[in-house]
N, C-alpha and C. Protein backbone atom coordinates (compact mmCIF):
# COMPACT_ATOMS: atom_id res chain seq x y z
N UNK A 1 153.42 94.38 58.49
CA UNK A 1 153.21 94.22 59.80
C UNK A 1 152.54 92.82 59.96
N UNK A 2 153.03 91.93 60.86
CA UNK A 2 152.57 90.72 61.00
C UNK A 2 151.21 90.60 61.49
N UNK A 3 150.28 89.78 60.96
CA UNK A 3 148.89 89.83 61.43
C UNK A 3 148.69 89.26 62.90
N UNK A 4 149.73 88.42 63.23
CA UNK A 4 149.51 87.82 64.73
C UNK A 4 149.88 88.77 65.74
N UNK A 5 150.61 89.82 65.43
CA UNK A 5 151.10 90.74 66.45
C UNK A 5 149.86 91.67 66.96
N UNK A 6 148.79 91.85 66.32
CA UNK A 6 147.65 92.49 66.69
C UNK A 6 146.52 91.78 66.85
N UNK A 7 146.41 90.49 66.97
CA UNK A 7 145.34 89.64 67.17
C UNK A 7 145.64 88.94 68.55
N UNK A 8 144.42 88.91 69.34
CA UNK A 8 144.25 88.41 70.56
C UNK A 8 143.27 87.29 70.66
N UNK A 9 143.53 86.04 71.20
CA UNK A 9 142.48 85.16 71.40
C UNK A 9 141.39 85.68 72.25
N UNK A 10 140.32 84.86 72.30
CA UNK A 10 139.23 85.43 73.21
C UNK A 10 139.79 85.39 74.73
N UNK A 11 140.49 84.42 75.11
CA UNK A 11 141.04 84.39 76.43
C UNK A 11 141.95 85.61 76.71
N UNK A 12 142.79 85.90 75.96
CA UNK A 12 143.69 87.01 76.01
C UNK A 12 143.02 88.26 76.18
N UNK A 13 141.96 88.36 75.24
CA UNK A 13 141.23 89.61 74.99
C UNK A 13 140.36 90.00 76.35
N UNK A 14 139.79 88.80 76.83
CA UNK A 14 138.95 88.84 78.03
C UNK A 14 139.85 89.39 79.30
N UNK A 15 141.20 88.83 79.26
CA UNK A 15 141.97 89.19 80.49
C UNK A 15 142.42 90.71 80.41
N UNK A 16 142.62 91.16 79.16
CA UNK A 16 142.95 92.49 78.86
C UNK A 16 141.73 93.50 79.24
N UNK A 17 140.73 93.06 78.88
CA UNK A 17 139.57 94.04 79.22
C UNK A 17 138.91 93.73 80.57
N UNK A 18 139.12 92.72 81.23
CA UNK A 18 138.34 92.33 82.39
C UNK A 18 137.01 91.80 82.30
N UNK A 19 136.80 91.23 81.11
CA UNK A 19 135.53 90.76 80.72
C UNK A 19 135.72 89.26 80.82
N UNK A 20 134.65 88.54 81.32
CA UNK A 20 134.63 87.04 81.11
C UNK A 20 134.58 86.48 79.73
N UNK A 21 135.37 85.52 79.50
CA UNK A 21 135.33 84.90 78.12
C UNK A 21 134.00 84.48 77.57
N UNK A 22 133.28 83.92 78.50
CA UNK A 22 131.85 83.63 78.24
C UNK A 22 131.00 84.67 77.62
N UNK A 23 131.26 85.81 78.25
CA UNK A 23 130.58 87.07 77.89
C UNK A 23 130.87 87.48 76.47
N UNK A 24 132.17 87.44 76.07
CA UNK A 24 132.60 87.72 74.73
C UNK A 24 131.92 86.65 73.80
N UNK A 25 131.88 85.46 74.17
CA UNK A 25 131.05 84.45 73.37
C UNK A 25 129.56 84.66 73.21
N UNK A 26 128.97 85.17 74.25
CA UNK A 26 127.65 85.46 74.33
C UNK A 26 127.28 86.61 73.51
N UNK A 27 128.09 87.69 73.54
CA UNK A 27 127.89 88.90 72.84
C UNK A 27 128.01 88.55 71.18
N UNK A 28 128.98 87.69 70.96
CA UNK A 28 129.03 87.11 69.53
C UNK A 28 127.76 86.38 69.07
N UNK A 29 127.40 85.55 70.01
CA UNK A 29 126.07 84.72 69.58
C UNK A 29 124.89 85.72 69.40
N UNK A 30 124.75 86.78 70.08
CA UNK A 30 123.56 87.59 69.82
C UNK A 30 123.84 88.71 68.79
N UNK A 31 125.19 88.78 68.44
CA UNK A 31 125.39 89.69 67.26
C UNK A 31 125.77 91.17 67.80
N UNK A 32 125.99 91.22 69.14
CA UNK A 32 126.34 92.65 69.64
C UNK A 32 127.93 92.88 69.45
N UNK A 33 128.70 91.96 69.72
CA UNK A 33 130.25 92.25 69.51
C UNK A 33 130.79 91.08 68.96
N UNK A 34 131.32 91.06 67.76
CA UNK A 34 131.79 89.84 67.10
C UNK A 34 133.40 90.06 67.00
N UNK A 35 133.91 88.89 67.00
CA UNK A 35 135.41 88.90 66.86
C UNK A 35 135.79 89.27 65.36
N UNK A 36 137.04 89.82 65.30
CA UNK A 36 137.38 90.25 63.96
C UNK A 36 137.74 88.93 62.92
N UNK A 37 138.29 88.01 63.64
CA UNK A 37 138.48 86.82 62.78
C UNK A 37 137.96 85.47 63.62
N UNK A 38 137.50 84.55 63.00
CA UNK A 38 137.23 83.26 63.47
C UNK A 38 138.03 82.44 62.64
N UNK A 39 139.11 81.69 63.38
CA UNK A 39 139.93 80.92 62.72
C UNK A 39 139.24 79.56 62.03
N UNK A 40 140.04 78.85 61.28
CA UNK A 40 139.46 77.58 60.83
C UNK A 40 139.31 76.48 61.90
N UNK A 41 140.01 76.72 63.04
CA UNK A 41 139.77 75.95 64.04
C UNK A 41 138.62 76.30 65.09
N UNK A 42 138.07 77.37 64.60
CA UNK A 42 136.80 77.92 65.54
C UNK A 42 137.14 78.81 66.67
N UNK A 43 138.57 79.16 66.69
CA UNK A 43 138.99 80.05 67.84
C UNK A 43 138.56 81.46 67.42
N UNK A 44 138.24 82.25 68.34
CA UNK A 44 137.93 83.61 68.03
C UNK A 44 139.09 84.59 68.25
N UNK A 45 139.40 85.56 67.35
CA UNK A 45 140.35 86.47 67.54
C UNK A 45 139.86 87.93 67.50
N UNK A 46 140.47 88.67 68.28
CA UNK A 46 140.05 90.16 68.39
C UNK A 46 141.24 91.05 68.09
N UNK A 47 140.96 92.18 67.66
CA UNK A 47 142.08 93.08 67.27
C UNK A 47 142.19 94.04 68.49
N UNK A 48 143.26 94.75 68.45
CA UNK A 48 143.38 96.01 69.45
C UNK A 48 142.57 97.08 69.12
N UNK A 49 142.11 97.14 67.98
CA UNK A 49 140.95 98.36 67.56
C UNK A 49 139.64 98.00 68.18
N UNK A 50 139.49 96.97 68.50
CA UNK A 50 138.25 96.47 69.15
C UNK A 50 138.01 96.87 70.62
N UNK A 51 139.14 97.31 71.32
CA UNK A 51 138.95 97.65 72.58
C UNK A 51 137.89 98.76 73.00
N UNK A 52 138.02 99.71 72.01
CA UNK A 52 137.24 100.93 72.29
C UNK A 52 135.65 100.50 72.04
N UNK A 53 135.34 99.61 71.07
CA UNK A 53 133.96 99.26 70.82
C UNK A 53 133.53 98.33 72.16
N UNK A 54 134.28 97.59 72.61
CA UNK A 54 133.88 96.84 73.71
C UNK A 54 133.63 97.63 74.93
N UNK A 55 134.60 98.72 75.19
CA UNK A 55 134.59 99.59 76.27
C UNK A 55 133.21 100.39 76.23
N UNK A 56 132.79 100.86 75.03
CA UNK A 56 131.54 101.46 74.88
C UNK A 56 130.34 100.62 75.24
N UNK A 57 130.23 99.25 74.93
CA UNK A 57 129.27 98.43 75.25
C UNK A 57 129.34 98.22 76.62
N UNK A 58 130.52 98.06 77.35
CA UNK A 58 130.40 97.86 78.82
C UNK A 58 129.99 99.17 79.49
N UNK A 59 130.25 100.23 79.10
CA UNK A 59 129.89 101.61 79.70
C UNK A 59 128.40 101.62 79.56
N UNK A 60 127.88 101.36 78.39
CA UNK A 60 126.46 101.52 78.24
C UNK A 60 125.61 100.54 79.03
N UNK A 61 126.30 99.28 79.30
CA UNK A 61 125.64 98.28 80.11
C UNK A 61 125.72 98.73 81.67
N UNK A 62 126.82 99.36 81.92
CA UNK A 62 126.98 99.99 83.41
C UNK A 62 125.99 100.90 83.66
N UNK A 63 125.60 101.85 82.73
CA UNK A 63 124.47 102.86 83.24
C UNK A 63 123.13 102.27 83.00
N UNK A 64 122.93 100.95 82.70
CA UNK A 64 121.83 100.40 82.56
C UNK A 64 120.89 100.19 81.38
N UNK A 65 121.67 100.33 80.17
CA UNK A 65 120.94 99.98 79.01
C UNK A 65 120.84 98.70 78.80
N UNK A 66 119.79 98.25 78.11
CA UNK A 66 119.54 96.85 77.75
C UNK A 66 120.36 96.46 76.63
N UNK A 67 120.57 95.21 76.30
CA UNK A 67 121.34 94.71 75.28
C UNK A 67 120.63 95.20 74.02
N UNK A 68 119.41 95.17 73.87
CA UNK A 68 118.65 95.49 72.60
C UNK A 68 118.91 97.08 72.38
N UNK A 69 118.80 97.88 73.33
CA UNK A 69 119.04 99.36 73.18
C UNK A 69 120.55 99.55 72.74
N UNK A 70 121.38 98.84 73.33
CA UNK A 70 122.83 98.87 72.68
C UNK A 70 122.92 98.48 71.29
N UNK A 71 122.36 97.45 71.10
CA UNK A 71 122.16 96.87 69.53
C UNK A 71 121.77 97.92 68.83
N UNK A 72 120.57 98.49 69.07
CA UNK A 72 119.92 99.59 68.25
C UNK A 72 120.96 100.69 67.98
N UNK A 73 121.53 101.12 69.04
CA UNK A 73 122.41 102.22 68.88
C UNK A 73 123.72 101.96 68.04
N UNK A 74 124.17 100.67 68.20
CA UNK A 74 125.38 100.24 67.41
C UNK A 74 125.14 100.04 65.89
N UNK A 75 123.88 99.85 65.70
CA UNK A 75 123.59 99.59 64.24
C UNK A 75 123.48 100.92 63.55
N UNK A 76 123.24 102.14 64.25
CA UNK A 76 123.14 103.40 63.74
C UNK A 76 123.69 104.49 64.66
N UNK A 77 124.97 104.38 64.99
CA UNK A 77 125.50 105.46 65.92
C UNK A 77 125.58 106.84 65.28
N UNK A 78 125.13 107.71 66.10
CA UNK A 78 125.24 109.06 65.70
C UNK A 78 125.38 109.87 67.04
N UNK A 79 125.84 111.00 66.91
CA UNK A 79 125.79 112.06 68.05
C UNK A 79 124.39 112.51 68.57
N UNK A 80 123.46 112.49 67.67
CA UNK A 80 122.05 112.78 68.12
C UNK A 80 121.54 111.53 68.87
N UNK A 81 121.73 110.31 68.23
CA UNK A 81 120.98 109.30 69.02
C UNK A 81 121.69 108.87 70.25
N UNK A 82 123.08 109.21 70.39
CA UNK A 82 123.75 109.08 71.72
C UNK A 82 123.18 109.97 72.57
N UNK A 83 123.03 111.30 72.36
CA UNK A 83 122.60 112.35 73.13
C UNK A 83 121.13 112.06 73.63
N UNK A 84 120.30 111.62 72.72
CA UNK A 84 118.88 111.34 73.02
C UNK A 84 118.87 110.25 74.01
N UNK A 85 119.84 109.25 73.79
CA UNK A 85 119.72 107.96 74.61
C UNK A 85 120.28 108.34 76.08
N UNK A 86 121.31 109.20 76.02
CA UNK A 86 121.79 109.64 77.42
C UNK A 86 120.82 110.53 78.11
N UNK A 87 120.13 111.22 77.54
CA UNK A 87 119.02 112.10 78.10
C UNK A 87 117.94 111.20 78.74
N UNK A 88 117.46 110.43 77.90
CA UNK A 88 116.32 109.53 78.42
C UNK A 88 116.94 108.89 79.76
N UNK A 89 118.05 108.04 79.60
CA UNK A 89 118.66 107.43 80.88
C UNK A 89 118.78 108.26 81.88
N UNK A 90 119.23 109.55 81.83
CA UNK A 90 119.44 110.47 82.86
C UNK A 90 118.03 110.78 83.56
N UNK A 91 117.01 111.08 82.82
CA UNK A 91 115.80 111.38 83.31
C UNK A 91 115.32 110.15 84.06
N UNK A 92 115.45 108.93 83.58
CA UNK A 92 115.02 107.61 84.32
C UNK A 92 115.79 107.54 85.69
N UNK A 93 117.13 108.01 85.62
CA UNK A 93 118.01 107.82 86.85
C UNK A 93 117.40 108.99 87.82
N UNK A 94 117.23 110.05 87.33
CA UNK A 94 116.76 111.01 88.35
C UNK A 94 115.41 110.76 88.96
N UNK A 95 114.50 110.15 88.11
CA UNK A 95 113.09 109.68 88.71
C UNK A 95 113.46 108.50 89.70
N UNK A 96 114.28 107.68 89.41
CA UNK A 96 114.72 106.59 90.49
C UNK A 96 115.22 107.18 91.73
N UNK A 97 116.03 108.13 91.57
CA UNK A 97 116.64 108.72 92.75
C UNK A 97 115.62 109.33 93.58
N UNK A 98 114.71 110.16 92.95
CA UNK A 98 113.58 110.76 93.52
C UNK A 98 112.66 109.78 94.33
N UNK A 99 112.43 108.64 93.68
CA UNK A 99 111.63 107.50 94.30
C UNK A 99 112.35 107.04 95.54
N UNK A 100 113.55 106.80 95.20
CA UNK A 100 114.41 106.24 96.50
C UNK A 100 114.48 107.11 97.73
N UNK A 101 114.77 108.40 97.40
CA UNK A 101 114.71 109.41 98.56
C UNK A 101 113.44 109.53 99.20
N UNK A 102 112.34 109.38 98.44
CA UNK A 102 110.94 109.43 99.19
C UNK A 102 110.72 108.17 99.92
N UNK A 103 111.24 107.01 99.46
CA UNK A 103 111.02 105.76 100.22
C UNK A 103 111.89 105.93 101.48
N UNK A 104 113.07 106.32 101.31
CA UNK A 104 114.01 106.64 102.45
C UNK A 104 113.43 107.41 103.55
N UNK A 105 112.77 108.59 103.13
CA UNK A 105 112.10 109.52 104.02
C UNK A 105 110.92 108.88 104.80
N UNK A 106 110.21 108.10 104.03
CA UNK A 106 109.10 107.40 104.58
C UNK A 106 109.40 106.37 105.58
N UNK A 107 110.63 105.62 105.28
CA UNK A 107 111.05 104.62 106.32
C UNK A 107 111.58 105.38 107.41
N UNK A 108 112.41 106.37 107.33
CA UNK A 108 112.88 107.15 108.41
C UNK A 108 111.72 107.57 109.33
N UNK A 109 110.61 108.15 108.77
CA UNK A 109 109.62 108.59 109.57
C UNK A 109 108.90 107.42 110.26
N UNK A 110 108.75 106.18 109.63
CA UNK A 110 108.11 105.23 110.34
C UNK A 110 109.01 104.71 111.46
N UNK A 111 110.21 104.62 111.22
CA UNK A 111 111.16 104.15 112.37
C UNK A 111 111.22 105.11 113.42
N UNK A 112 111.03 106.49 113.16
CA UNK A 112 110.99 107.43 114.37
C UNK A 112 109.72 107.09 115.11
N UNK A 113 108.46 106.91 114.42
CA UNK A 113 107.27 106.64 115.08
C UNK A 113 107.45 105.42 115.89
N UNK A 114 108.06 104.32 115.37
CA UNK A 114 108.10 103.09 116.03
C UNK A 114 108.99 103.36 117.25
N UNK A 115 110.01 103.99 117.18
CA UNK A 115 110.82 104.39 118.47
C UNK A 115 110.21 105.08 119.40
N UNK A 116 109.38 105.92 119.02
CA UNK A 116 108.52 106.67 120.02
C UNK A 116 107.61 105.74 120.75
N UNK A 117 106.92 104.86 119.96
CA UNK A 117 105.96 103.78 120.50
C UNK A 117 106.74 102.89 121.41
N UNK A 118 107.91 102.53 121.09
CA UNK A 118 108.66 101.44 121.97
C UNK A 118 109.16 101.94 123.28
N UNK A 119 109.48 103.18 123.30
CA UNK A 119 109.95 103.85 124.52
C UNK A 119 108.77 104.50 125.40
N UNK A 120 107.68 104.60 124.89
CA UNK A 120 106.51 105.19 125.72
C UNK A 120 106.01 104.21 126.74
N UNK A 121 105.79 104.88 127.87
CA UNK A 121 105.30 104.07 129.10
C UNK A 121 103.89 104.13 129.17
N UNK A 122 103.25 102.90 129.68
CA UNK A 122 101.90 102.77 129.93
C UNK A 122 101.40 103.99 130.77
N UNK A 123 100.27 104.51 130.26
CA UNK A 123 99.51 105.44 131.25
C UNK A 123 99.99 106.95 131.11
N UNK A 124 101.08 107.04 130.39
CA UNK A 124 101.68 108.44 130.36
C UNK A 124 101.28 109.11 129.07
N UNK A 125 101.34 110.50 129.02
CA UNK A 125 101.18 111.45 127.84
C UNK A 125 102.49 111.97 127.55
N UNK A 126 102.84 111.84 126.17
CA UNK A 126 104.27 112.45 125.68
C UNK A 126 103.79 113.37 124.80
N UNK A 127 104.77 114.27 124.73
CA UNK A 127 104.65 115.45 123.71
C UNK A 127 105.54 115.09 122.47
N UNK A 128 105.28 115.15 121.30
CA UNK A 128 106.06 114.78 120.17
C UNK A 128 105.75 115.83 119.12
N UNK A 129 106.80 115.94 118.30
CA UNK A 129 106.54 116.95 117.10
C UNK A 129 106.47 116.09 115.86
N UNK A 130 105.42 116.49 115.08
CA UNK A 130 105.34 115.91 113.82
C UNK A 130 106.26 116.53 112.85
N UNK A 131 106.98 115.69 111.99
CA UNK A 131 107.94 116.31 111.17
C UNK A 131 107.29 117.06 109.97
N UNK A 132 106.12 116.87 109.57
CA UNK A 132 105.48 117.65 108.52
C UNK A 132 104.90 118.87 109.04
N UNK A 133 104.75 118.95 110.34
CA UNK A 133 104.12 120.13 111.03
C UNK A 133 105.23 121.22 111.26
N UNK A 134 104.87 122.49 111.61
CA UNK A 134 105.69 123.52 112.07
C UNK A 134 106.26 123.20 113.48
N UNK A 135 107.23 123.80 113.75
CA UNK A 135 107.92 123.36 115.21
C UNK A 135 106.85 123.61 116.38
N UNK A 136 106.03 124.72 116.33
CA UNK A 136 105.11 124.97 117.38
C UNK A 136 104.00 123.96 117.41
N UNK A 137 103.69 123.35 116.38
CA UNK A 137 102.61 122.33 116.39
C UNK A 137 103.01 121.04 117.01
N UNK A 138 102.37 120.71 118.22
CA UNK A 138 102.60 119.51 118.85
C UNK A 138 101.36 118.83 119.25
N UNK A 139 101.40 117.49 119.38
CA UNK A 139 100.35 116.73 119.69
C UNK A 139 100.72 115.95 121.16
N UNK A 140 99.67 115.84 121.93
CA UNK A 140 99.95 115.09 123.03
C UNK A 140 99.31 113.67 122.76
N UNK A 141 100.23 112.72 122.96
CA UNK A 141 99.87 111.37 122.57
C UNK A 141 99.78 110.46 123.78
N UNK A 142 98.52 110.00 124.07
CA UNK A 142 98.22 109.10 125.19
C UNK A 142 98.83 107.63 124.67
N UNK A 143 99.52 106.90 125.72
CA UNK A 143 99.86 105.61 125.43
C UNK A 143 99.19 104.65 126.50
N UNK A 144 98.63 103.76 125.79
CA UNK A 144 97.80 102.63 126.44
C UNK A 144 98.32 101.42 125.84
N UNK A 145 98.15 100.40 126.62
CA UNK A 145 98.27 98.93 126.11
C UNK A 145 97.51 98.64 125.00
N UNK A 146 97.74 97.55 124.24
CA UNK A 146 96.96 97.41 122.80
C UNK A 146 95.49 97.23 123.20
N UNK A 147 95.02 96.62 124.16
CA UNK A 147 93.65 96.29 124.43
C UNK A 147 92.91 97.60 124.85
N UNK A 148 93.43 98.33 125.89
CA UNK A 148 93.01 99.55 126.42
C UNK A 148 92.94 100.54 125.25
N UNK A 149 93.97 100.69 124.35
CA UNK A 149 94.01 101.63 123.20
C UNK A 149 92.86 101.44 122.41
N UNK A 150 92.59 100.25 122.11
CA UNK A 150 91.34 99.93 121.26
C UNK A 150 90.00 100.52 121.91
N UNK A 151 89.82 100.04 123.12
CA UNK A 151 88.66 100.56 123.73
C UNK A 151 88.59 102.11 123.80
N UNK A 152 89.64 102.65 124.08
CA UNK A 152 89.77 104.12 124.14
C UNK A 152 89.30 104.84 122.97
N UNK A 153 89.86 104.40 121.74
CA UNK A 153 89.54 105.03 120.62
C UNK A 153 88.11 104.46 120.13
N UNK A 154 87.71 103.40 120.51
CA UNK A 154 86.46 102.98 120.00
C UNK A 154 85.36 103.60 120.65
N UNK A 155 85.42 104.01 121.90
CA UNK A 155 84.52 104.76 122.69
C UNK A 155 84.39 106.16 122.08
N UNK A 156 85.54 106.65 121.73
CA UNK A 156 85.57 108.07 121.33
C UNK A 156 85.40 108.33 119.76
N UNK A 157 85.57 107.24 119.27
CA UNK A 157 85.38 107.37 117.65
C UNK A 157 86.86 107.77 117.10
N UNK A 158 87.26 106.95 115.94
CA UNK A 158 88.47 107.05 115.54
C UNK A 158 88.87 108.45 114.93
N UNK A 159 87.75 109.01 114.33
CA UNK A 159 87.92 110.31 113.59
C UNK A 159 87.83 111.67 114.52
N UNK A 160 87.59 111.53 116.02
CA UNK A 160 87.54 112.47 116.94
C UNK A 160 88.81 113.28 116.79
N UNK A 161 88.75 114.66 116.83
CA UNK A 161 89.93 115.56 116.82
C UNK A 161 90.88 115.32 118.15
N UNK A 162 92.16 115.57 117.92
CA UNK A 162 92.94 115.38 119.01
C UNK A 162 92.52 116.04 120.35
N UNK A 163 91.90 117.29 120.21
CA UNK A 163 91.62 118.08 121.22
C UNK A 163 90.47 117.36 122.16
N UNK A 164 89.50 116.71 121.48
CA UNK A 164 88.45 115.99 122.18
C UNK A 164 89.00 114.77 122.84
N UNK A 165 89.84 114.02 122.29
CA UNK A 165 90.41 113.00 122.75
C UNK A 165 91.32 113.33 124.05
N UNK A 166 92.13 114.40 123.80
CA UNK A 166 92.87 114.73 125.15
C UNK A 166 92.22 115.36 126.11
N UNK A 167 91.06 116.19 125.85
CA UNK A 167 90.44 116.73 126.96
C UNK A 167 89.50 115.81 127.61
N UNK A 168 89.26 114.70 127.17
CA UNK A 168 88.38 113.57 127.74
C UNK A 168 89.25 112.79 128.63
N UNK A 169 90.48 112.97 128.67
CA UNK A 169 91.40 112.18 129.37
C UNK A 169 91.07 112.50 130.90
């Protein structure tokens, strides 16, 4: 079999794999993914057998592993180390999803409160349901202009229960 039939230049290999040629050179510099042959002219040549190795690296990068983590795994690949690495990454992803969902719920609650405040009319009392409360739990919220609101709560104390505030209206 002719050697040139299964060798690809770095440009050809980059096109076939969808990776930037500079990325291939960078991976070579850091020792993560080396060309099979470096010619006398300095050109890098890759074989068809290296497609799967690069695909594994790209997959691990896509799920968020650092280059150092990939190098560690590549230096001693095993089913156990791969399973352990994937379990840790899945746990981190699950925690990130939980944090993002919590942040999303917080922002939705703040947006809803802002919307209520924006559409309230001066001098009116509105009924609103708190999301954390049961459906039957409602508060009557007085709306005042910014200055009058400060005086209202300052006179009655910020920590006054809602019944006292509402009954003193």
